[in-house]
Amino acid sequence: MKIDIYTIEKHNRDEYTLACENSKKMINKYANITEHNIFNKKISQAQNRDEKSAKEAYSRAFEPFMKGYNIILHPEGKILDSFEFYKIFDINTNLNFFIGGAYGFEKSFVDKGNLIISLSKLTFSHKVAKVVLYEQIYRGLTLLHNHNYHK
């Protein structure tokens, strides 16, 4: 199984990065996971203009990667418990998770997703959302493989 996580953020090393790297090591026992931090000059300029331009730039940056089963993290998405979440991994295709930029997503981009989920009704920074997502991916894969970590 291949899992890709796409984010709109500059790559940097901090405590959140270390937490994600630790999770990646555990996840790689069950699946090949790759993180793609996308941030370019067009996104930077768009974010400095306005929200609409930023969302459009995020969509353009993400759309080439929408192959396989696309899961978009969105505040208005469906809230799943861990047992519902792990069923995602039973799909026999590449899984792509998308975490938006500072302004979120265009509705037209969200509409292209196969599954729209919310990690919580709370608002998280992108870095915290990513750590939570990694944890849930690991938890989901352990459930799928009947490992007792989820207990």
N, C-alpha and C. Protein backbone atom coordinates (compact mmCIF):
# COMPACT_ATOMS: atom_id res chain seq x y z
N MET A 1 0.85 -1.18 0.00
CA MET A 1 0.00 0.00 0.00
C MET A 1 0.89 1.24 0.00
N LYS A 2 0.49 2.21 -0.79
CA LYS A 2 1.21 3.48 -0.85
C LYS A 2 0.30 4.60 -0.34
N ILE A 3 0.85 5.40 0.56
CA ILE A 3 0.14 6.53 1.14
C ILE A 3 0.98 7.78 0.90
N ASP A 4 0.35 8.82 0.37
CA ASP A 4 1.01 10.10 0.18
C ASP A 4 0.26 11.17 0.95
N ILE A 5 1.01 12.02 1.63
CA ILE A 5 0.43 13.16 2.34
C ILE A 5 0.95 14.42 1.68
N TYR A 6 0.02 15.27 1.23
CA TYR A 6 0.36 16.52 0.55
C TYR A 6 -0.05 17.69 1.44
N THR A 7 0.90 18.59 1.67
CA THR A 7 0.62 19.77 2.48
C THR A 7 1.13 21.02 1.78
N ILE A 8 0.50 22.14 2.10
CA ILE A 8 0.99 23.44 1.63
C ILE A 8 1.76 24.03 2.82
N GLU A 9 3.07 23.83 2.78
CA GLU A 9 3.90 24.38 3.84
C GLU A 9 5.36 24.33 3.43
N LYS A 10 6.12 25.21 4.01
CA LYS A 10 7.57 25.18 3.81
C LYS A 10 8.12 24.03 4.66
N HIS A 11 9.08 23.34 4.10
CA HIS A 11 9.69 22.24 4.86
C HIS A 11 10.67 22.83 5.87
N ASN A 12 10.50 22.44 7.12
CA ASN A 12 11.46 22.83 8.14
C ASN A 12 11.55 21.72 9.19
N ARG A 13 12.55 21.78 10.00
CA ARG A 13 12.74 20.76 11.03
C ARG A 13 12.40 21.37 12.38
N ASP A 14 11.40 20.79 13.02
CA ASP A 14 11.01 21.22 14.35
C ASP A 14 10.45 20.01 15.09
N GLU A 15 9.90 20.22 16.25
CA GLU A 15 9.40 19.10 17.04
C GLU A 15 8.25 18.37 16.34
N TYR A 16 7.49 19.08 15.53
CA TYR A 16 6.40 18.45 14.79
C TYR A 16 6.95 17.52 13.72
N THR A 17 8.00 17.98 13.06
CA THR A 17 8.65 17.16 12.04
C THR A 17 9.18 15.87 12.67
N LEU A 18 9.80 15.99 13.82
CA LEU A 18 10.34 14.80 14.50
C LEU A 18 9.22 13.83 14.88
N ALA A 19 8.10 14.34 15.34
CA ALA A 19 6.96 13.47 15.69
C ALA A 19 6.46 12.74 14.45
N CYS A 20 6.37 13.44 13.32
CA CYS A 20 5.92 12.82 12.08
C CYS A 20 6.92 11.78 11.59
N GLU A 21 8.21 12.07 11.72
CA GLU A 21 9.24 11.11 11.29
C GLU A 21 9.17 9.84 12.13
N ASN A 22 8.93 9.97 13.43
CA ASN A 22 8.78 8.78 14.27
C ASN A 22 7.57 7.96 13.84
N SER A 23 6.48 8.64 13.54
CA SER A 23 5.28 7.93 13.07
C SER A 23 5.54 7.25 11.74
N LYS A 24 6.27 7.93 10.84
CA LYS A 24 6.58 7.35 9.52
C LYS A 24 7.31 6.02 9.67
N LYS A 25 8.26 5.97 10.60
CA LYS A 25 9.02 4.73 10.82
C LYS A 25 8.07 3.59 11.21
N MET A 26 7.12 3.88 12.08
CA MET A 26 6.18 2.84 12.51
C MET A 26 5.22 2.47 11.37
N ILE A 27 4.77 3.45 10.63
CA ILE A 27 3.84 3.21 9.52
C ILE A 27 4.49 2.37 8.43
N ASN A 28 5.79 2.60 8.19
CA ASN A 28 6.48 1.89 7.12
C ASN A 28 6.54 0.38 7.34
N LYS A 29 6.19 -0.10 8.52
CA LYS A 29 6.06 -1.54 8.75
C LYS A 29 4.88 -2.10 7.96
N TYR A 30 3.91 -1.24 7.68
CA TYR A 30 2.66 -1.67 7.06
C TYR A 30 2.42 -1.09 5.66
N ALA A 31 2.99 0.08 5.40
CA ALA A 31 2.72 0.77 4.14
C ALA A 31 3.88 1.71 3.81
N ASN A 32 4.00 2.03 2.55
CA ASN A 32 4.99 3.00 2.10
C ASN A 32 4.34 4.38 2.18
N ILE A 33 4.87 5.26 3.04
CA ILE A 33 4.28 6.58 3.22
C ILE A 33 5.29 7.66 2.85
N THR A 34 4.83 8.65 2.11
CA THR A 34 5.68 9.76 1.68
C THR A 34 4.94 11.06 1.93
N GLU A 35 5.68 12.03 2.44
CA GLU A 35 5.11 13.36 2.67
C GLU A 35 5.66 14.32 1.62
N HIS A 36 4.77 15.14 1.08
CA HIS A 36 5.15 16.13 0.07
C HIS A 36 4.75 17.51 0.58
N ASN A 37 5.74 18.31 0.92
CA ASN A 37 5.50 19.69 1.36
C ASN A 37 5.63 20.58 0.14
N ILE A 38 4.52 21.17 -0.24
CA ILE A 38 4.49 21.99 -1.45
C ILE A 38 4.39 23.46 -1.06
N PHE A 39 5.36 24.20 -1.44
CA PHE A 39 5.32 25.65 -1.25
C PHE A 39 6.24 26.25 -2.29
N ASN A 40 5.69 27.10 -3.14
CA ASN A 40 6.50 27.69 -4.20
C ASN A 40 6.22 29.18 -4.28
N LYS A 41 6.90 29.82 -5.22
CA LYS A 41 6.79 31.27 -5.37
C LYS A 41 5.36 31.70 -5.69
N LYS A 42 4.66 30.91 -6.54
CA LYS A 42 3.28 31.25 -6.90
C LYS A 42 2.37 31.21 -5.68
N ILE A 43 2.55 30.22 -4.82
CA ILE A 43 1.74 30.13 -3.59
C ILE A 43 2.06 31.31 -2.68
N SER A 44 3.32 31.59 -2.51
CA SER A 44 3.73 32.71 -1.65
C SER A 44 3.12 34.03 -2.13
N GLN A 45 3.22 34.29 -3.43
CA GLN A 45 2.66 35.53 -3.98
C GLN A 45 1.15 35.57 -3.83
N ALA A 46 0.49 34.44 -4.08
CA ALA A 46 -0.98 34.39 -3.97
C ALA A 46 -1.43 34.64 -2.54
N GLN A 47 -0.72 34.07 -1.58
CA GLN A 47 -1.09 34.27 -0.17
C GLN A 47 -0.93 35.73 0.23
N ASN A 48 -0.01 36.42 -0.40
CA ASN A 48 0.19 37.83 -0.10
C ASN A 48 -0.87 38.72 -0.76
N ARG A 49 -1.55 38.19 -1.78
CA ARG A 49 -2.61 38.96 -2.47
C ARG A 49 -3.91 38.90 -1.68
N ASP A 50 -4.50 37.68 -1.64
CA ASP A 50 -5.79 37.55 -0.96
C ASP A 50 -6.15 36.07 -0.83
N GLU A 51 -7.22 35.82 -0.09
CA GLU A 51 -7.65 34.45 0.20
C GLU A 51 -8.02 33.69 -1.08
N LYS A 52 -8.78 34.31 -1.96
CA LYS A 52 -9.22 33.65 -3.19
C LYS A 52 -8.01 33.21 -4.02
N SER A 53 -7.05 34.11 -4.19
CA SER A 53 -5.84 33.78 -4.96
C SER A 53 -5.06 32.64 -4.31
N ALA A 54 -4.98 32.67 -3.00
CA ALA A 54 -4.25 31.62 -2.28
C ALA A 54 -4.91 30.26 -2.50
N LYS A 55 -6.23 30.20 -2.34
CA LYS A 55 -6.95 28.93 -2.54
C LYS A 55 -6.77 28.41 -3.96
N GLU A 56 -6.81 29.32 -4.93
CA GLU A 56 -6.61 28.92 -6.33
C GLU A 56 -5.21 28.34 -6.53
N ALA A 57 -4.21 28.97 -5.90
CA ALA A 57 -2.83 28.49 -6.02
C ALA A 57 -2.68 27.11 -5.37
N TYR A 58 -3.35 26.89 -4.25
CA TYR A 58 -3.29 25.57 -3.60
C TYR A 58 -3.88 24.51 -4.53
N SER A 59 -5.02 24.82 -5.12
CA SER A 59 -5.67 23.86 -6.03
C SER A 59 -4.75 23.51 -7.18
N ARG A 60 -4.16 24.51 -7.80
CA ARG A 60 -3.25 24.26 -8.93
C ARG A 60 -2.06 23.41 -8.50
N ALA A 61 -1.56 23.64 -7.30
CA ALA A 61 -0.41 22.88 -6.81
C ALA A 61 -0.78 21.42 -6.52
N PHE A 62 -1.99 21.19 -6.02
CA PHE A 62 -2.41 19.84 -5.62
C PHE A 62 -2.97 18.99 -6.77
N GLU A 63 -3.65 19.61 -7.71
CA GLU A 63 -4.39 18.85 -8.72
C GLU A 63 -3.57 17.81 -9.48
N PRO A 64 -2.31 18.04 -9.81
CA PRO A 64 -1.54 16.99 -10.51
C PRO A 64 -1.35 15.71 -9.69
N PHE A 65 -1.55 15.79 -8.38
CA PHE A 65 -1.33 14.64 -7.51
C PHE A 65 -2.61 13.88 -7.18
N MET A 66 -3.71 14.26 -7.77
CA MET A 66 -5.00 13.63 -7.46
C MET A 66 -5.20 12.37 -8.31
N LYS A 67 -4.39 11.37 -8.01
CA LYS A 67 -4.49 10.06 -8.66
C LYS A 67 -4.64 9.03 -7.57
N GLY A 68 -5.52 8.09 -7.74
CA GLY A 68 -5.80 7.13 -6.68
C GLY A 68 -7.02 7.58 -5.91
N TYR A 69 -7.04 7.32 -4.61
CA TYR A 69 -8.16 7.66 -3.75
C TYR A 69 -7.75 8.90 -2.96
N ASN A 70 -8.50 9.98 -3.14
CA ASN A 70 -8.12 11.29 -2.59
C ASN A 70 -8.96 11.66 -1.37
N ILE A 71 -8.25 11.86 -0.27
CA ILE A 71 -8.89 12.18 1.00
C ILE A 71 -8.48 13.60 1.38
N ILE A 72 -9.46 14.45 1.53
CA ILE A 72 -9.19 15.86 1.80
C ILE A 72 -9.58 16.16 3.25
N LEU A 73 -8.64 16.74 3.98
CA LEU A 73 -8.93 17.15 5.35
C LEU A 73 -9.55 18.53 5.30
N HIS A 74 -10.75 18.62 5.86
CA HIS A 74 -11.52 19.86 5.75
C HIS A 74 -12.38 20.00 7.00
N PRO A 75 -12.50 21.21 7.57
CA PRO A 75 -13.27 21.38 8.80
C PRO A 75 -14.73 20.91 8.69
N GLU A 76 -15.30 20.95 7.49
CA GLU A 76 -16.69 20.55 7.32
C GLU A 76 -16.83 19.08 6.88
N GLY A 77 -15.71 18.37 6.88
CA GLY A 77 -15.73 16.96 6.48
C GLY A 77 -16.36 16.07 7.54
N LYS A 78 -16.49 14.82 7.18
CA LYS A 78 -17.07 13.83 8.08
C LYS A 78 -16.09 13.51 9.20
N ILE A 79 -16.60 13.43 10.42
CA ILE A 79 -15.77 13.05 11.56
C ILE A 79 -15.91 11.54 11.74
N LEU A 80 -14.76 10.86 11.70
CA LEU A 80 -14.73 9.40 11.82
C LEU A 80 -14.11 9.01 13.15
N ASP A 81 -14.56 7.88 13.70
CA ASP A 81 -13.81 7.34 14.82
C ASP A 81 -12.70 6.45 14.25
N SER A 82 -11.83 5.95 15.09
CA SER A 82 -10.68 5.18 14.60
C SER A 82 -11.10 3.92 13.86
N PHE A 83 -12.21 3.32 14.26
CA PHE A 83 -12.68 2.10 13.60
C PHE A 83 -13.26 2.39 12.22
N GLU A 84 -13.87 3.55 12.05
CA GLU A 84 -14.34 3.95 10.72
C GLU A 84 -13.14 4.37 9.85
N PHE A 85 -12.20 5.06 10.47
CA PHE A 85 -11.04 5.56 9.74
C PHE A 85 -10.21 4.41 9.17
N TYR A 86 -10.01 3.35 9.93
CA TYR A 86 -9.13 2.28 9.46
C TYR A 86 -9.68 1.58 8.22
N LYS A 87 -10.97 1.65 8.00
CA LYS A 87 -11.56 1.00 6.82
C LYS A 87 -11.09 1.66 5.52
N ILE A 88 -10.59 2.89 5.61
CA ILE A 88 -10.02 3.56 4.44
C ILE A 88 -8.88 2.72 3.87
N PHE A 89 -8.13 2.08 4.74
CA PHE A 89 -6.93 1.35 4.31
C PHE A 89 -7.25 0.01 3.67
N ASP A 90 -8.49 -0.34 3.66
CA ASP A 90 -8.92 -1.58 3.02
C ASP A 90 -9.12 -1.39 1.52
N ILE A 91 -8.97 -0.15 1.05
CA ILE A 91 -9.11 0.17 -0.37
C ILE A 91 -7.81 -0.23 -1.06
N ASN A 92 -7.93 -0.92 -2.16
CA ASN A 92 -6.75 -1.43 -2.85
C ASN A 92 -6.26 -0.44 -3.91
N THR A 93 -5.80 0.72 -3.47
CA THR A 93 -5.26 1.73 -4.39
C THR A 93 -4.39 2.68 -3.58
N ASN A 94 -3.70 3.57 -4.27
CA ASN A 94 -2.92 4.59 -3.58
C ASN A 94 -3.85 5.53 -2.83
N LEU A 95 -3.46 5.88 -1.62
CA LEU A 95 -4.23 6.83 -0.82
C LEU A 95 -3.48 8.15 -0.77
N ASN A 96 -4.18 9.23 -1.07
CA ASN A 96 -3.60 10.57 -1.02
C ASN A 96 -4.38 11.40 0.00
N PHE A 97 -3.66 11.94 0.98
CA PHE A 97 -4.26 12.84 1.96
C PHE A 97 -3.81 14.26 1.63
N PHE A 98 -4.74 15.21 1.64
CA PHE A 98 -4.43 16.60 1.33
C PHE A 98 -4.77 17.49 2.53
N ILE A 99 -3.76 18.25 2.98
CA ILE A 99 -3.94 19.23 4.05
C ILE A 99 -3.73 20.60 3.40
N GLY A 100 -4.72 21.45 3.46
CA GLY A 100 -4.68 22.73 2.78
C GLY A 100 -3.72 23.72 3.39
N GLY A 101 -3.61 24.85 2.73
CA GLY A 101 -2.77 25.93 3.21
C GLY A 101 -3.50 26.78 4.24
N ALA A 102 -2.94 27.91 4.54
CA ALA A 102 -3.47 28.79 5.58
C ALA A 102 -4.93 29.19 5.34
N TYR A 103 -5.35 29.23 4.08
CA TYR A 103 -6.71 29.65 3.74
C TYR A 103 -7.65 28.49 3.43
N GLY A 104 -7.17 27.27 3.58
CA GLY A 104 -8.05 26.12 3.31
C GLY A 104 -8.11 25.80 1.83
N PHE A 105 -9.27 25.32 1.39
CA PHE A 105 -9.45 24.84 0.02
C PHE A 105 -10.57 25.59 -0.70
N GLU A 106 -10.45 25.63 -2.02
CA GLU A 106 -11.58 26.06 -2.85
C GLU A 106 -12.63 24.96 -2.79
N LYS A 107 -13.88 25.34 -2.85
CA LYS A 107 -14.96 24.35 -2.87
C LYS A 107 -14.82 23.40 -4.06
N SER A 108 -14.42 23.92 -5.21
CA SER A 108 -14.28 23.08 -6.40
C SER A 108 -13.21 22.01 -6.21
N PHE A 109 -12.16 22.31 -5.44
CA PHE A 109 -11.14 21.30 -5.15
C PHE A 109 -11.70 20.24 -4.19
N VAL A 110 -12.37 20.70 -3.16
CA VAL A 110 -12.96 19.76 -2.18
C VAL A 110 -13.92 18.81 -2.87
N ASP A 111 -14.69 19.32 -3.81
CA ASP A 111 -15.67 18.50 -4.54
C ASP A 111 -15.02 17.38 -5.35
N LYS A 112 -13.73 17.50 -5.65
CA LYS A 112 -13.03 16.47 -6.42
C LYS A 112 -12.54 15.32 -5.54
N GLY A 113 -12.61 15.47 -4.23
CA GLY A 113 -12.14 14.43 -3.32
C GLY A 113 -13.07 13.23 -3.29
N ASN A 114 -12.49 12.06 -3.04
CA ASN A 114 -13.29 10.85 -2.86
C ASN A 114 -13.89 10.78 -1.46
N LEU A 115 -13.17 11.35 -0.50
CA LEU A 115 -13.62 11.35 0.89
C LEU A 115 -13.15 12.65 1.52
N ILE A 116 -14.06 13.32 2.21
CA ILE A 116 -13.74 14.57 2.90
C ILE A 116 -13.90 14.29 4.39
N ILE A 117 -12.81 14.44 5.14
CA ILE A 117 -12.88 14.15 6.57
C ILE A 117 -12.37 15.35 7.38
N SER A 118 -12.83 15.39 8.61
CA SER A 118 -12.36 16.36 9.59
C SER A 118 -11.72 15.58 10.72
N LEU A 119 -10.59 16.05 11.19
CA LEU A 119 -9.93 15.37 12.31
C LEU A 119 -10.58 15.72 13.65
N SER A 120 -11.31 16.83 13.67
CA SER A 120 -11.93 17.28 14.92
C SER A 120 -12.78 18.50 14.63
N LYS A 121 -13.67 18.82 15.55
CA LYS A 121 -14.40 20.08 15.45
C LYS A 121 -13.52 21.24 15.92
N LEU A 122 -12.40 20.91 16.56
CA LEU A 122 -11.45 21.93 16.98
C LEU A 122 -10.61 22.37 15.79
N THR A 123 -10.06 23.57 15.86
CA THR A 123 -9.16 24.06 14.83
C THR A 123 -7.73 23.76 15.26
N PHE A 124 -6.96 23.16 14.32
CA PHE A 124 -5.56 22.85 14.59
C PHE A 124 -4.68 23.62 13.61
N SER A 125 -3.46 23.91 14.03
CA SER A 125 -2.48 24.40 13.07
C SER A 125 -2.20 23.25 12.09
N HIS A 126 -1.65 23.58 10.93
CA HIS A 126 -1.36 22.54 9.94
C HIS A 126 -0.39 21.50 10.50
N LYS A 127 0.56 21.95 11.29
CA LYS A 127 1.55 21.03 11.84
C LYS A 127 0.92 20.07 12.85
N VAL A 128 0.03 20.57 13.68
CA VAL A 128 -0.65 19.69 14.64
C VAL A 128 -1.58 18.73 13.90
N ALA A 129 -2.30 19.23 12.90
CA ALA A 129 -3.18 18.37 12.11
C ALA A 129 -2.39 17.23 11.48
N LYS A 130 -1.21 17.54 11.00
CA LYS A 130 -0.38 16.51 10.35
C LYS A 130 0.06 15.45 11.37
N VAL A 131 0.44 15.87 12.56
CA VAL A 131 0.83 14.91 13.61
C VAL A 131 -0.36 14.01 13.95
N VAL A 132 -1.55 14.60 14.10
CA VAL A 132 -2.76 13.83 14.40
C VAL A 132 -3.05 12.86 13.25
N LEU A 133 -2.91 13.32 12.01
CA LEU A 133 -3.16 12.45 10.86
C LEU A 133 -2.20 11.27 10.86
N TYR A 134 -0.91 11.51 11.08
CA TYR A 134 0.06 10.41 11.14
C TYR A 134 -0.32 9.39 12.21
N GLU A 135 -0.71 9.89 13.37
CA GLU A 135 -1.12 8.98 14.45
C GLU A 135 -2.30 8.13 14.04
N GLN A 136 -3.28 8.75 13.40
CA GLN A 136 -4.48 8.00 12.99
C GLN A 136 -4.17 7.02 11.86
N ILE A 137 -3.26 7.38 10.99
CA ILE A 137 -2.85 6.43 9.94
C ILE A 137 -2.19 5.22 10.58
N TYR A 138 -1.29 5.45 11.51
CA TYR A 138 -0.65 4.32 12.20
C TYR A 138 -1.68 3.47 12.94
N ARG A 139 -2.54 4.14 13.67
CA ARG A 139 -3.59 3.43 14.42
C ARG A 139 -4.47 2.62 13.47
N GLY A 140 -4.86 3.21 12.34
CA GLY A 140 -5.69 2.53 11.36
C GLY A 140 -5.01 1.30 10.78
N LEU A 141 -3.72 1.43 10.48
CA LEU A 141 -2.99 0.29 9.92
C LEU A 141 -2.81 -0.83 10.94
N THR A 142 -2.64 -0.46 12.21
CA THR A 142 -2.54 -1.52 13.23
C THR A 142 -3.88 -2.23 13.39
N LEU A 143 -4.97 -1.51 13.29
CA LEU A 143 -6.29 -2.15 13.33
C LEU A 143 -6.45 -3.09 12.13
N LEU A 144 -6.07 -2.63 10.97
CA LEU A 144 -6.18 -3.44 9.75
C LEU A 144 -5.38 -4.73 9.87
N HIS A 145 -4.24 -4.67 10.55
CA HIS A 145 -3.36 -5.83 10.67
C HIS A 145 -3.50 -6.55 12.01
N ASN A 146 -4.58 -6.27 12.72
CA ASN A 146 -4.90 -6.94 14.00
C ASN A 146 -3.78 -6.83 15.03
N HIS A 147 -3.10 -5.70 15.03
CA HIS A 147 -2.10 -5.42 16.05
C HIS A 147 -2.81 -4.75 17.21
N ASN A 148 -2.34 -4.96 18.42
CA ASN A 148 -3.09 -4.45 19.59
C ASN A 148 -2.75 -3.02 19.99
N TYR A 149 -2.02 -2.27 19.19
CA TYR A 149 -1.66 -0.89 19.53
C TYR A 149 -2.88 -0.04 19.80
N HIS A 150 -3.96 -0.24 19.06
CA HIS A 150 -5.13 0.64 19.13
C HIS A 150 -5.88 0.55 20.45
N LYS A 151 -5.56 -0.41 21.29
CA LYS A 151 -6.31 -0.60 22.55
C LYS A 151 -5.87 0.34 23.63
